[in-house]
Amino acid sequence: MKTVMLGVASREEASRRFVQAMESGKPQGNFISFESPGLLWKMLTPKRWDILKAMTGAGPLSIREAARRVGRDVKAVHGDVQALLGCGILSKTDDGQIVFPFDRVHVDFALEAA
């Protein structure tokens, strides 16, 4: 099962994971990090989350098919897909389809006392 971890991490933490992977030659996992919980939730709106749920484990899809699966119009889904592509959550295949190449999503962040 291929899992992606969506979470909150400082630039330093993300850089540390990168350096550790480069030095050890071992994968550190699949991470997509945001600098704050606010940015994470701004990107993962409920409708975009629905798109991810519909695409998890589905393989490459057209935007039209993604829209059909979430019961929304193509133009609105296209806008959400562009945002998800822009932050690296979705990617495009060579033939222009969109893909979320994971079977499982784990969202992780901690809330700490100030």
PDB file of N, CA and C in Angstrom:
ATOM      1  N   MET A   1       0.846  -1.170   0.000  1.00  0.00           N
ATOM      2  CA  MET A   1       0.000   0.000   0.000  1.00  0.00           C
ATOM      3  C   MET A   1       0.895   1.237   0.000  1.00  0.00           C
ATOM      4  N   LYS A   2       0.695   2.122  -0.930  1.00  0.00           N
ATOM      5  CA  LYS A   2       1.498   3.336  -1.054  1.00  0.00           C
ATOM      6  C   LYS A   2       0.783   4.477  -0.335  1.00  0.00           C
ATOM      7  N   THR A   3       1.410   4.974   0.735  1.00  0.00           N
ATOM      8  CA  THR A   3       0.817   5.998   1.587  1.00  0.00           C
ATOM      9  C   THR A   3       1.542   7.325   1.407  1.00  0.00           C
ATOM     10  N   VAL A   4       0.789   8.404   1.418  1.00  0.00           N
ATOM     11  CA  VAL A   4       1.373   9.741   1.431  1.00  0.00           C
ATOM     12  C   VAL A   4       1.008  10.392   2.760  1.00  0.00           C
ATOM     13  N   MET A   5       1.967  11.121   3.312  1.00  0.00           N
ATOM     14  CA  MET A   5       1.761  11.846   4.562  1.00  0.00           C
ATOM     15  C   MET A   5       1.610  13.327   4.216  1.00  0.00           C
ATOM     16  N   LEU A   6       0.423  13.864   4.434  1.00  0.00           N
ATOM     17  CA  LEU A   6       0.196  15.294   4.292  1.00  0.00           C
ATOM     18  C   LEU A   6       0.345  15.887   5.674  1.00  0.00           C
ATOM     19  N   GLY A   7       1.183  16.886   5.815  1.00  0.00           N
ATOM     20  CA  GLY A   7       1.406  17.410   7.147  1.00  0.00           C
ATOM     21  C   GLY A   7       1.983  18.797   7.172  1.00  0.00           C
ATOM     22  N   VAL A   8       2.254  19.221   8.386  1.00  0.00           N
ATOM     23  CA  VAL A   8       2.834  20.532   8.632  1.00  0.00           C
ATOM     24  C   VAL A   8       4.285  20.319   9.025  1.00  0.00           C
ATOM     25  N   ALA A   9       5.182  21.007   8.342  1.00  0.00           N
ATOM     26  CA  ALA A   9       6.611  20.903   8.648  1.00  0.00           C
ATOM     27  C   ALA A   9       7.286  22.215   8.274  1.00  0.00           C
ATOM     28  N   SER A  10       8.217  22.618   9.081  1.00  0.00           N
ATOM     29  CA  SER A  10       8.986  23.818   8.768  1.00  0.00           C
ATOM     30  C   SER A  10       9.920  23.504   7.592  1.00  0.00           C
ATOM     31  N   ARG A  11      10.453  24.543   7.015  1.00  0.00           N
ATOM     32  CA  ARG A  11      11.434  24.345   5.937  1.00  0.00           C
ATOM     33  C   ARG A  11      12.625  23.546   6.452  1.00  0.00           C
ATOM     34  N   GLU A  12      12.996  23.797   7.707  1.00  0.00           N
ATOM     35  CA  GLU A  12      14.125  23.081   8.295  1.00  0.00           C
ATOM     36  C   GLU A  12      13.839  21.586   8.388  1.00  0.00           C
ATOM     37  N   GLU A  13      12.638  21.223   8.818  1.00  0.00           N
ATOM     38  CA  GLU A  13      12.284  19.808   8.912  1.00  0.00           C
ATOM     39  C   GLU A  13      12.268  19.147   7.542  1.00  0.00           C
ATOM     40  N   ALA A  14      11.675  19.817   6.571  1.00  0.00           N
ATOM     41  CA  ALA A  14      11.628  19.267   5.214  1.00  0.00           C
ATOM     42  C   ALA A  14      13.041  19.122   4.647  1.00  0.00           C
ATOM     43  N   SER A  15      13.888  20.117   4.894  1.00  0.00           N
ATOM     44  CA  SER A  15      15.279  20.051   4.432  1.00  0.00           C
ATOM     45  C   SER A  15      16.029  18.922   5.126  1.00  0.00           C
ATOM     46  N   ARG A  16      15.768  18.727   6.419  1.00  0.00           N
ATOM     47  CA  ARG A  16      16.418  17.651   7.173  1.00  0.00           C
ATOM     48  C   ARG A  16      16.064  16.293   6.572  1.00  0.00           C
ATOM     49  N   ARG A  17      14.790  16.090   6.222  1.00  0.00           N
ATOM     50  CA  ARG A  17      14.382  14.824   5.598  1.00  0.00           C
ATOM     51  C   ARG A  17      15.094  14.626   4.266  1.00  0.00           C
ATOM     52  N   PHE A  18      15.191  15.707   3.493  1.00  0.00           N
ATOM     53  CA  PHE A  18      15.859  15.630   2.200  1.00  0.00           C
ATOM     54  C   PHE A  18      17.322  15.245   2.369  1.00  0.00           C
ATOM     55  N   VAL A  19      18.014  15.935   3.265  1.00  0.00           N
ATOM     56  CA  VAL A  19      19.436  15.657   3.498  1.00  0.00           C
ATOM     57  C   VAL A  19      19.620  14.231   4.002  1.00  0.00           C
ATOM     58  N   GLN A  20      18.756  13.796   4.912  1.00  0.00           N
ATOM     59  CA  GLN A  20      18.848  12.439   5.445  1.00  0.00           C
ATOM     60  C   GLN A  20      18.687  11.405   4.326  1.00  0.00           C
ATOM     61  N   ALA A  21      17.757  11.656   3.417  1.00  0.00           N
ATOM     62  CA  ALA A  21      17.556  10.736   2.295  1.00  0.00           C
ATOM     63  C   ALA A  21      18.782  10.714   1.387  1.00  0.00           C
ATOM     64  N   MET A  22      19.345  11.881   1.144  1.00  0.00           N
ATOM     65  CA  MET A  22      20.521  11.958   0.274  1.00  0.00           C
ATOM     66  C   MET A  22      21.730  11.279   0.913  1.00  0.00           C
ATOM     67  N   GLU A  23      21.918  11.478   2.203  1.00  0.00           N
ATOM     68  CA  GLU A  23      23.084  10.899   2.881  1.00  0.00           C
ATOM     69  C   GLU A  23      22.944   9.395   3.085  1.00  0.00           C
ATOM     70  N   SER A  24      21.734   8.944   3.401  1.00  0.00           N
ATOM     71  CA  SER A  24      21.551   7.521   3.684  1.00  0.00           C
ATOM     72  C   SER A  24      21.254   6.711   2.428  1.00  0.00           C
ATOM     73  N   GLY A  25      20.748   7.390   1.402  1.00  0.00           N
ATOM     74  CA  GLY A  25      20.342   6.676   0.198  1.00  0.00           C
ATOM     75  C   GLY A  25      19.052   5.902   0.381  1.00  0.00           C
ATOM     76  N   LYS A  26      18.374   6.142   1.514  1.00  0.00           N
ATOM     77  CA  LYS A  26      17.137   5.424   1.819  1.00  0.00           C
ATOM     78  C   LYS A  26      15.941   6.371   1.722  1.00  0.00           C
ATOM     79  N   PRO A  27      14.854   5.881   1.135  1.00  0.00           N
ATOM     80  CA  PRO A  27      13.651   6.718   1.073  1.00  0.00           C
ATOM     81  C   PRO A  27      13.167   7.079   2.476  1.00  0.00           C
ATOM     82  N   GLN A  28      12.675   8.272   2.616  1.00  0.00           N
ATOM     83  CA  GLN A  28      12.155   8.740   3.898  1.00  0.00           C
ATOM     84  C   GLN A  28      10.633   8.688   3.934  1.00  0.00           C
ATOM     85  N   GLY A  29      10.019   8.172   2.897  1.00  0.00           N
ATOM     86  CA  GLY A  29       8.567   8.113   2.797  1.00  0.00           C
ATOM     87  C   GLY A  29       8.060   9.167   1.833  1.00  0.00           C
ATOM     88  N   ASN A  30       6.769   9.171   1.628  1.00  0.00           N
ATOM     89  CA  ASN A  30       6.136  10.131   0.736  1.00  0.00           C
ATOM     90  C   ASN A  30       5.509  11.233   1.576  1.00  0.00           C
ATOM     91  N   PHE A  31       6.092  12.417   1.521  1.00  0.00           N
ATOM     92  CA  PHE A  31       5.629  13.545   2.314  1.00  0.00           C
ATOM     93  C   PHE A  31       5.249  14.699   1.401  1.00  0.00           C
ATOM     94  N   ILE A  32       4.154  15.343   1.721  1.00  0.00           N
ATOM     95  CA  ILE A  32       3.795  16.634   1.137  1.00  0.00           C
ATOM     96  C   ILE A  32       3.555  17.531   2.329  1.00  0.00           C
ATOM     97  N   SER A  33       4.430  18.526   2.479  1.00  0.00           N
ATOM     98  CA  SER A  33       4.419  19.346   3.687  1.00  0.00           C
ATOM     99  C   SER A  33       3.968  20.771   3.406  1.00  0.00           C
ATOM    100  N   PHE A  34       3.291  21.326   4.396  1.00  0.00           N
ATOM    101  CA  PHE A  34       2.845  22.713   4.377  1.00  0.00           C
ATOM    102  C   PHE A  34       3.477  23.416   5.562  1.00  0.00           C
ATOM    103  N   GLU A  35       3.675  24.725   5.447  1.00  0.00           N
ATOM    104  CA  GLU A  35       4.353  25.463   6.507  1.00  0.00           C
ATOM    105  C   GLU A  35       3.487  25.720   7.729  1.00  0.00           C
ATOM    106  N   SER A  36       2.170  25.608   7.594  1.00  0.00           N
ATOM    107  CA  SER A  36       1.285  25.856   8.733  1.00  0.00           C
ATOM    108  C   SER A  36      -0.004  25.068   8.560  1.00  0.00           C
ATOM    109  N   PRO A  37      -0.709  24.809   9.680  1.00  0.00           N
ATOM    110  CA  PRO A  37      -2.015  24.155   9.562  1.00  0.00           C
ATOM    111  C   PRO A  37      -2.979  24.979   8.701  1.00  0.00           C
ATOM    112  N   GLY A  38      -2.884  26.308   8.793  1.00  0.00           N
ATOM    113  CA  GLY A  38      -3.748  27.164   7.986  1.00  0.00           C
ATOM    114  C   GLY A  38      -3.563  26.942   6.497  1.00  0.00           C
ATOM    115  N   LEU A  39      -2.310  26.812   6.058  1.00  0.00           N
ATOM    116  CA  LEU A  39      -2.044  26.555   4.641  1.00  0.00           C
ATOM    117  C   LEU A  39      -2.528  25.170   4.231  1.00  0.00           C
ATOM    118  N   LEU A  40      -2.347  24.189   5.105  1.00  0.00           N
ATOM    119  CA  LEU A  40      -2.824  22.841   4.808  1.00  0.00           C
ATOM    120  C   LEU A  40      -4.332  22.844   4.597  1.00  0.00           C
ATOM    121  N   TRP A  41      -5.074  23.464   5.515  1.00  0.00           N
ATOM    122  CA  TRP A  41      -6.535  23.462   5.413  1.00  0.00           C
ATOM    123  C   TRP A  41      -7.038  24.392   4.325  1.00  0.00           C
ATOM    124  N   LYS A  42      -6.259  25.422   3.987  1.00  0.00           N
ATOM    125  CA  LYS A  42      -6.631  26.285   2.872  1.00  0.00           C
ATOM    126  C   LYS A  42      -6.567  25.499   1.562  1.00  0.00           C
ATOM    127  N   MET A  43      -5.564  24.636   1.457  1.00  0.00           N
ATOM    128  CA  MET A  43      -5.418  23.840   0.243  1.00  0.00           C
ATOM    129  C   MET A  43      -6.394  22.659   0.223  1.00  0.00           C
ATOM    130  N   LEU A  44      -6.606  22.031   1.365  1.00  0.00           N
ATOM    131  CA  LEU A  44      -7.464  20.836   1.409  1.00  0.00           C
ATOM    132  C   LEU A  44      -8.876  21.212   1.852  1.00  0.00           C
ATOM    133  N   THR A  45      -9.549  21.958   1.007  1.00  0.00           N
ATOM    134  CA  THR A  45     -10.940  22.299   1.275  1.00  0.00           C
ATOM    135  C   THR A  45     -11.776  21.024   1.226  1.00  0.00           C
ATOM    136  N   PRO A  46     -12.975  21.036   1.771  1.00  0.00           N
ATOM    137  CA  PRO A  46     -13.815  19.829   1.701  1.00  0.00           C
ATOM    138  C   PRO A  46     -14.031  19.307   0.273  1.00  0.00           C
ATOM    139  N   LYS A  47     -14.218  20.194  -0.683  1.00  0.00           N
ATOM    140  CA  LYS A  47     -14.439  19.734  -2.065  1.00  0.00           C
ATOM    141  C   LYS A  47     -13.164  19.150  -2.680  1.00  0.00           C
ATOM    142  N   ARG A  48     -12.016  19.718  -2.337  1.00  0.00           N
ATOM    143  CA  ARG A  48     -10.752  19.148  -2.833  1.00  0.00           C
ATOM    144  C   ARG A  48     -10.470  17.815  -2.151  1.00  0.00           C
ATOM    145  N   TRP A  49     -10.834  17.705  -0.891  1.00  0.00           N
ATOM    146  CA  TRP A  49     -10.684  16.438  -0.182  1.00  0.00           C
ATOM    147  C   TRP A  49     -11.540  15.369  -0.855  1.00  0.00           C
ATOM    148  N   ASP A  50     -12.746  15.740  -1.298  1.00  0.00           N
ATOM    149  CA  ASP A  50     -13.610  14.796  -2.016  1.00  0.00           C
ATOM    150  C   ASP A  50     -12.938  14.309  -3.295  1.00  0.00           C
ATOM    151  N   ILE A  51     -12.258  15.213  -3.990  1.00  0.00           N
ATOM    152  CA  ILE A  51     -11.536  14.824  -5.205  1.00  0.00           C
ATOM    153  C   ILE A  51     -10.445  13.818  -4.857  1.00  0.00           C
ATOM    154  N   LEU A  52      -9.686  14.090  -3.797  1.00  0.00           N
ATOM    155  CA  LEU A  52      -8.627  13.152  -3.390  1.00  0.00           C
ATOM    156  C   LEU A  52      -9.213  11.805  -3.012  1.00  0.00           C
ATOM    157  N   LYS A  53     -10.312  11.802  -2.269  1.00  0.00           N
ATOM    158  CA  LYS A  53     -10.942  10.531  -1.892  1.00  0.00           C
ATOM    159  C   LYS A  53     -11.352   9.752  -3.134  1.00  0.00           C
ATOM    160  N   ALA A  54     -11.910  10.439  -4.127  1.00  0.00           N
ATOM    161  CA  ALA A  54     -12.347   9.766  -5.353  1.00  0.00           C
ATOM    162  C   ALA A  54     -11.165   9.251  -6.170  1.00  0.00           C
ATOM    163  N   MET A  55     -10.011   9.896  -6.037  1.00  0.00           N
ATOM    164  CA  MET A  55      -8.851   9.519  -6.835  1.00  0.00           C
ATOM    165  C   MET A  55      -7.904   8.558  -6.132  1.00  0.00           C
ATOM    166  N   THR A  56      -8.036   8.391  -4.836  1.00  0.00           N
ATOM    167  CA  THR A  56      -7.128   7.526  -4.087  1.00  0.00           C
ATOM    168  C   THR A  56      -7.224   6.094  -4.610  1.00  0.00           C
ATOM    169  N   GLY A  57      -6.105   5.602  -5.124  1.00  0.00           N
ATOM    170  CA  GLY A  57      -6.042   4.243  -5.647  1.00  0.00           C
ATOM    171  C   GLY A  57      -6.698   4.049  -6.998  1.00  0.00           C
ATOM    172  N   ALA A  58      -7.178   5.116  -7.630  1.00  0.00           N
ATOM    173  CA  ALA A  58      -7.938   4.987  -8.878  1.00  0.00           C
ATOM    174  C   ALA A  58      -7.072   4.987 -10.132  1.00  0.00           C
ATOM    175  N   GLY A  59      -5.816   5.414 -10.023  1.00  0.00           N
ATOM    176  CA  GLY A  59      -4.985   5.536 -11.214  1.00  0.00           C
ATOM    177  C   GLY A  59      -5.303   6.822 -11.955  1.00  0.00           C
ATOM    178  N   PRO A  60      -4.723   7.003 -13.140  1.00  0.00           N
ATOM    179  CA  PRO A  60      -4.942   8.231 -13.905  1.00  0.00           C
ATOM    180  C   PRO A  60      -6.399   8.393 -14.324  1.00  0.00           C
ATOM    181  N   LEU A  61      -6.889   9.631 -14.231  1.00  0.00           N
ATOM    182  CA  LEU A  61      -8.262   9.961 -14.619  1.00  0.00           C
ATOM    183  C   LEU A  61      -8.259  11.249 -15.425  1.00  0.00           C
ATOM    184  N   SER A  62      -9.286  11.417 -16.235  1.00  0.00           N
ATOM    185  CA  SER A  62      -9.505  12.721 -16.865  1.00  0.00           C
ATOM    186  C   SER A  62     -10.193  13.617 -15.838  1.00  0.00           C
ATOM    187  N   ILE A  63     -10.111  14.906 -16.039  1.00  0.00           N
ATOM    188  CA  ILE A  63     -10.807  15.826 -15.138  1.00  0.00           C
ATOM    189  C   ILE A  63     -12.312  15.575 -15.225  1.00  0.00           C
ATOM    190  N   ARG A  64     -12.794  15.278 -16.399  1.00  0.00           N
ATOM    191  CA  ARG A  64     -14.231  14.983 -16.581  1.00  0.00           C
ATOM    192  C   ARG A  64     -14.643  13.778 -15.730  1.00  0.00           C
ATOM    193  N   GLU A  65     -13.818  12.738 -15.704  1.00  0.00           N
ATOM    194  CA  GLU A  65     -14.132  11.553 -14.902  1.00  0.00           C
ATOM    195  C   GLU A  65     -14.062  11.871 -13.407  1.00  0.00           C
ATOM    196  N   ALA A  66     -13.074  12.656 -13.012  1.00  0.00           N
ATOM    197  CA  ALA A  66     -12.994  13.060 -11.606  1.00  0.00           C
ATOM    198  C   ALA A  66     -14.241  13.842 -11.216  1.00  0.00           C
ATOM    199  N   ALA A  67     -14.688  14.746 -12.088  1.00  0.00           N
ATOM    200  CA  ALA A  67     -15.906  15.526 -11.820  1.00  0.00           C
ATOM    201  C   ALA A  67     -17.120  14.612 -11.699  1.00  0.00           C
ATOM    202  N   ARG A  68     -17.206  13.623 -12.564  1.00  0.00           N
ATOM    203  CA  ARG A  68     -18.330  12.676 -12.502  1.00  0.00           C
ATOM    204  C   ARG A  68     -18.324  11.925 -11.182  1.00  0.00           C
ATOM    205  N   ARG A  69     -17.136  11.507 -10.739  1.00  0.00           N
ATOM    206  CA  ARG A  69     -17.046  10.735  -9.496  1.00  0.00           C
ATOM    207  C   ARG A  69     -17.417  11.533  -8.252  1.00  0.00           C
ATOM    208  N   VAL A  70     -17.199  12.842  -8.288  1.00  0.00           N
ATOM    209  CA  VAL A  70     -17.552  13.660  -7.120  1.00  0.00           C
ATOM    210  C   VAL A  70     -18.883  14.384  -7.301  1.00  0.00           C
ATOM    211  N   GLY A  71     -19.523  14.218  -8.448  1.00  0.00           N
ATOM    212  CA  GLY A  71     -20.835  14.808  -8.678  1.00  0.00           C
ATOM    213  C   GLY A  71     -20.814  16.324  -8.793  1.00  0.00           C
ATOM    214  N   ARG A  72     -19.769  16.858  -9.438  1.00  0.00           N
ATOM    215  CA  ARG A  72     -19.645  18.307  -9.607  1.00  0.00           C
ATOM    216  C   ARG A  72     -19.407  18.642 -11.070  1.00  0.00           C
ATOM    217  N   ASP A  73     -19.561  19.924 -11.417  1.00  0.00           N
ATOM    218  CA  ASP A  73     -19.334  20.293 -12.807  1.00  0.00           C
ATOM    219  C   ASP A  73     -17.838  20.358 -13.112  1.00  0.00           C
ATOM    220  N   VAL A  74     -17.528  20.122 -14.374  1.00  0.00           N
ATOM    221  CA  VAL A  74     -16.145  19.995 -14.815  1.00  0.00           C
ATOM    222  C   VAL A  74     -15.350  21.273 -14.563  1.00  0.00           C
ATOM    223  N   LYS A  75     -15.950  22.435 -14.806  1.00  0.00           N
ATOM    224  CA  LYS A  75     -15.230  23.694 -14.643  1.00  0.00           C
ATOM    225  C   LYS A  75     -14.797  23.901 -13.183  1.00  0.00           C
ATOM    226  N   ALA A  76     -15.677  23.621 -12.249  1.00  0.00           N
ATOM    227  CA  ALA A  76     -15.338  23.785 -10.830  1.00  0.00           C
ATOM    228  C   ALA A  76     -14.250  22.798 -10.412  1.00  0.00           C
ATOM    229  N   VAL A  77     -14.365  21.558 -10.854  1.00  0.00           N
ATOM    230  CA  VAL A  77     -13.357  20.552 -10.526  1.00  0.00           C
ATOM    231  C   VAL A  77     -12.029  20.924 -11.174  1.00  0.00           C
ATOM    232  N   HIS A  78     -12.067  21.460 -12.385  1.00  0.00           N
ATOM    233  CA  HIS A  78     -10.842  21.890 -13.054  1.00  0.00           C
ATOM    234  C   HIS A  78     -10.090  22.908 -12.200  1.00  0.00           C
ATOM    235  N   GLY A  79     -10.790  23.876 -11.633  1.00  0.00           N
ATOM    236  CA  GLY A  79     -10.145  24.871 -10.775  1.00  0.00           C
ATOM    237  C   GLY A  79      -9.503  24.245  -9.552  1.00  0.00           C
ATOM    238  N   ASP A  80     -10.219  23.309  -8.916  1.00  0.00           N
ATOM    239  CA  ASP A  80      -9.654  22.626  -7.748  1.00  0.00           C
ATOM    240  C   ASP A  80      -8.469  21.757  -8.132  1.00  0.00           C
ATOM    241  N   VAL A  81      -8.550  21.098  -9.275  1.00  0.00           N
ATOM    242  CA  VAL A  81      -7.439  20.261  -9.741  1.00  0.00           C
ATOM    243  C   VAL A  81      -6.210  21.122  -9.997  1.00  0.00           C
ATOM    244  N   GLN A  82      -6.396  22.305 -10.583  1.00  0.00           N
ATOM    245  CA  GLN A  82      -5.254  23.190 -10.835  1.00  0.00           C
ATOM    246  C   GLN A  82      -4.574  23.569  -9.528  1.00  0.00           C
ATOM    247  N   ALA A  83      -5.350  23.848  -8.487  1.00  0.00           N
ATOM    248  CA  ALA A  83      -4.767  24.179  -7.177  1.00  0.00           C
ATOM    249  C   ALA A  83      -3.997  22.984  -6.611  1.00  0.00           C
ATOM    250  N   LEU A  84      -4.563  21.778  -6.726  1.00  0.00           N
ATOM    251  CA  LEU A  84      -3.906  20.572  -6.214  1.00  0.00           C
ATOM    252  C   LEU A  84      -2.657  20.227  -7.021  1.00  0.00           C
ATOM    253  N   LEU A  85      -2.675  20.506  -8.316  1.00  0.00           N
ATOM    254  CA  LEU A  85      -1.474  20.327  -9.137  1.00  0.00           C
ATOM    255  C   LEU A  85      -0.399  21.336  -8.726  1.00  0.00           C
ATOM    256  N   GLY A  86      -0.819  22.565  -8.470  1.00  0.00           N
ATOM    257  CA  GLY A  86       0.118  23.630  -8.126  1.00  0.00           C
ATOM    258  C   GLY A  86       0.888  23.380  -6.846  1.00  0.00           C
ATOM    259  N   CYS A  87       0.275  22.685  -5.889  1.00  0.00           N
ATOM    260  CA  CYS A  87       0.990  22.426  -4.634  1.00  0.00           C
ATOM    261  C   CYS A  87       1.599  21.025  -4.605  1.00  0.00           C
ATOM    262  N   GLY A  88       1.502  20.285  -5.696  1.00  0.00           N
ATOM    263  CA  GLY A  88       2.183  18.999  -5.792  1.00  0.00           C
ATOM    264  C   GLY A  88       1.421  17.808  -5.249  1.00  0.00           C
ATOM    265  N   ILE A  89       0.151  17.989  -4.899  1.00  0.00           N
ATOM    266  CA  ILE A  89      -0.623  16.852  -4.402  1.00  0.00           C
ATOM    267  C   ILE A  89      -1.046  15.948  -5.557  1.00  0.00           C
ATOM    268  N   LEU A  90      -1.468  16.541  -6.662  1.00  0.00           N
ATOM    269  CA  LEU A  90      -1.775  15.778  -7.871  1.00  0.00           C
ATOM    270  C   LEU A  90      -0.663  16.005  -8.881  1.00  0.00           C
ATOM    271  N   SER A  91      -0.567  15.101  -9.843  1.00  0.00           N
ATOM    272  CA  SER A  91       0.358  15.298 -10.954  1.00  0.00           C
ATOM    273  C   SER A  91      -0.354  14.898 -12.238  1.00  0.00           C
ATOM    274  N   LYS A  92       0.280  15.212 -13.367  1.00  0.00           N
ATOM    275  CA  LYS A  92      -0.280  14.884 -14.672  1.00  0.00           C
ATOM    276  C   LYS A  92       0.555  13.805 -15.335  1.00  0.00           C
ATOM    277  N   THR A  93      -0.131  12.956 -16.072  1.00  0.00           N
ATOM    278  CA  THR A  93       0.562  11.948 -16.872  1.00  0.00           C
ATOM    279  C   THR A  93       0.996  12.581 -18.187  1.00  0.00           C
ATOM    280  N   ASP A  94       1.792  11.864 -18.960  1.00  0.00           N
ATOM    281  CA  ASP A  94       2.251  12.375 -20.246  1.00  0.00           C
ATOM    282  C   ASP A  94       1.097  12.652 -21.199  1.00  0.00           C
ATOM    283  N   ASP A  95      -0.003  11.909 -21.049  1.00  0.00           N
ATOM    284  CA  ASP A  95      -1.147  12.125 -21.936  1.00  0.00           C
ATOM    285  C   ASP A  95      -2.182  13.098 -21.353  1.00  0.00           C
ATOM    286  N   GLY A  96      -1.810  13.824 -20.288  1.00  0.00           N
ATOM    287  CA  GLY A  96      -2.663  14.887 -19.770  1.00  0.00           C
ATOM    288  C   GLY A  96      -3.689  14.497 -18.727  1.00  0.00           C
ATOM    289  N   GLN A  97      -3.700  13.238 -18.323  1.00  0.00           N
ATOM    290  CA  GLN A  97      -4.627  12.853 -17.265  1.00  0.00           C
ATOM    291  C   GLN A  97      -4.046  13.247 -15.913  1.00  0.00           C
ATOM    292  N   ILE A  98      -4.918  13.310 -14.921  1.00  0.00           N
ATOM    293  CA  ILE A  98      -4.461  13.650 -13.577  1.00  0.00           C
ATOM    294  C   ILE A  98      -4.343  12.370 -12.762  1.00  0.00           C
ATOM    295  N   VAL A  99      -3.405  12.384 -11.822  1.00  0.00           N
ATOM    296  CA  VAL A  99      -3.185  11.183 -11.027  1.00  0.00           C
ATOM    297  C   VAL A  99      -2.826  11.566  -9.592  1.00  0.00           C
ATOM    298  N   PHE A 100      -3.376  10.795  -8.685  1.00  0.00           N
ATOM    299  CA  PHE A 100      -2.999  10.834  -7.273  1.00  0.00           C
ATOM    300  C   PHE A 100      -2.498   9.426  -6.991  1.00  0.00           C
ATOM    301  N   PRO A 101      -1.167   9.225  -7.049  1.00  0.00           N
ATOM    302  CA  PRO A 101      -0.622   7.866  -7.101  1.00  0.00           C
ATOM    303  C   PRO A 101      -0.491   7.171  -5.742  1.00  0.00           C
ATOM    304  N   PHE A 102      -1.464   7.362  -4.884  1.00  0.00           N
ATOM    305  CA  PHE A 102      -1.401   6.775  -3.548  1.00  0.00           C
ATOM    306  C   PHE A 102      -2.670   5.992  -3.252  1.00  0.00           C
ATOM    307  N   ASP A 103      -2.519   4.983  -2.402  1.00  0.00           N
ATOM    308  CA  ASP A 103      -3.643   4.155  -1.979  1.00  0.00           C
ATOM    309  C   ASP A 103      -4.171   4.572  -0.618  1.00  0.00           C
ATOM    310  N   ARG A 104      -3.414   5.425   0.057  1.00  0.00           N
ATOM    311  CA  ARG A 104      -3.763   5.805   1.429  1.00  0.00           C
ATOM    312  C   ARG A 104      -3.211   7.196   1.703  1.00  0.00           C
ATOM    313  N   VAL A 105      -3.984   7.998   2.447  1.00  0.00           N
ATOM    314  CA  VAL A 105      -3.563   9.340   2.829  1.00  0.00           C
ATOM    315  C   VAL A 105      -3.561   9.409   4.343  1.00  0.00           C
ATOM    316  N   HIS A 106      -2.469   9.934   4.890  1.00  0.00           N
ATOM    317  CA  HIS A 106      -2.390  10.169   6.328  1.00  0.00           C
ATOM    318  C   HIS A 106      -2.134  11.662   6.515  1.00  0.00           C
ATOM    319  N   VAL A 107      -2.991  12.329   7.275  1.00  0.00           N
ATOM    320  CA  VAL A 107      -2.805  13.743   7.557  1.00  0.00           C
ATOM    321  C   VAL A 107      -2.281  13.859   8.972  1.00  0.00           C
ATOM    322  N   ASP A 108      -1.188  14.620   9.139  1.00  0.00           N
ATOM    323  CA  ASP A 108      -0.532  14.686  10.434  1.00  0.00           C
ATOM    324  C   ASP A 108      -0.086  16.101  10.750  1.00  0.00           C
ATOM    325  N   PHE A 109      -0.511  16.591  11.903  1.00  0.00           N
ATOM    326  CA  PHE A 109       0.053  17.811  12.461  1.00  0.00           C
ATOM    327  C   PHE A 109      -0.273  17.838  13.940  1.00  0.00           C
ATOM    328  N   ALA A 110       0.510  18.572  14.670  1.00  0.00           N
ATOM    329  CA  ALA A 110       0.334  18.636  16.130  1.00  0.00           C
ATOM    330  C   ALA A 110      -0.093  20.035  16.545  1.00  0.00           C
ATOM    331  N   LEU A 111      -0.963  20.086  17.520  1.00  0.00           N
ATOM    332  CA  LEU A 111      -1.373  21.344  18.121  1.00  0.00           C
ATOM    333  C   LEU A 111      -0.736  21.396  19.499  1.00  0.00           C
ATOM    334  N   GLU A 112       0.085  22.423  19.714  1.00  0.00           N
ATOM    335  CA  GLU A 112       0.806  22.523  20.971  1.00  0.00           C
ATOM    336  C   GLU A 112       0.438  23.800  21.704  1.00  0.00           C
ATOM    337  N   ALA A 113       0.583  23.774  23.011  1.00  0.00           N
ATOM    338  CA  ALA A 113       0.342  24.968  23.810  1.00  0.00           C
ATOM    339  C   ALA A 113       1.328  26.053  23.418  1.00  0.00           C
ATOM    340  N   ALA A 114       0.859  27.294  23.432  1.00  0.00           N
ATOM    341  CA  ALA A 114       1.706  28.411  23.030  1.00  0.00           C
ATOM    342  C   ALA A 114       2.752  28.730  24.070  1.00  0.00           C
TER     343      ALA A 114
END
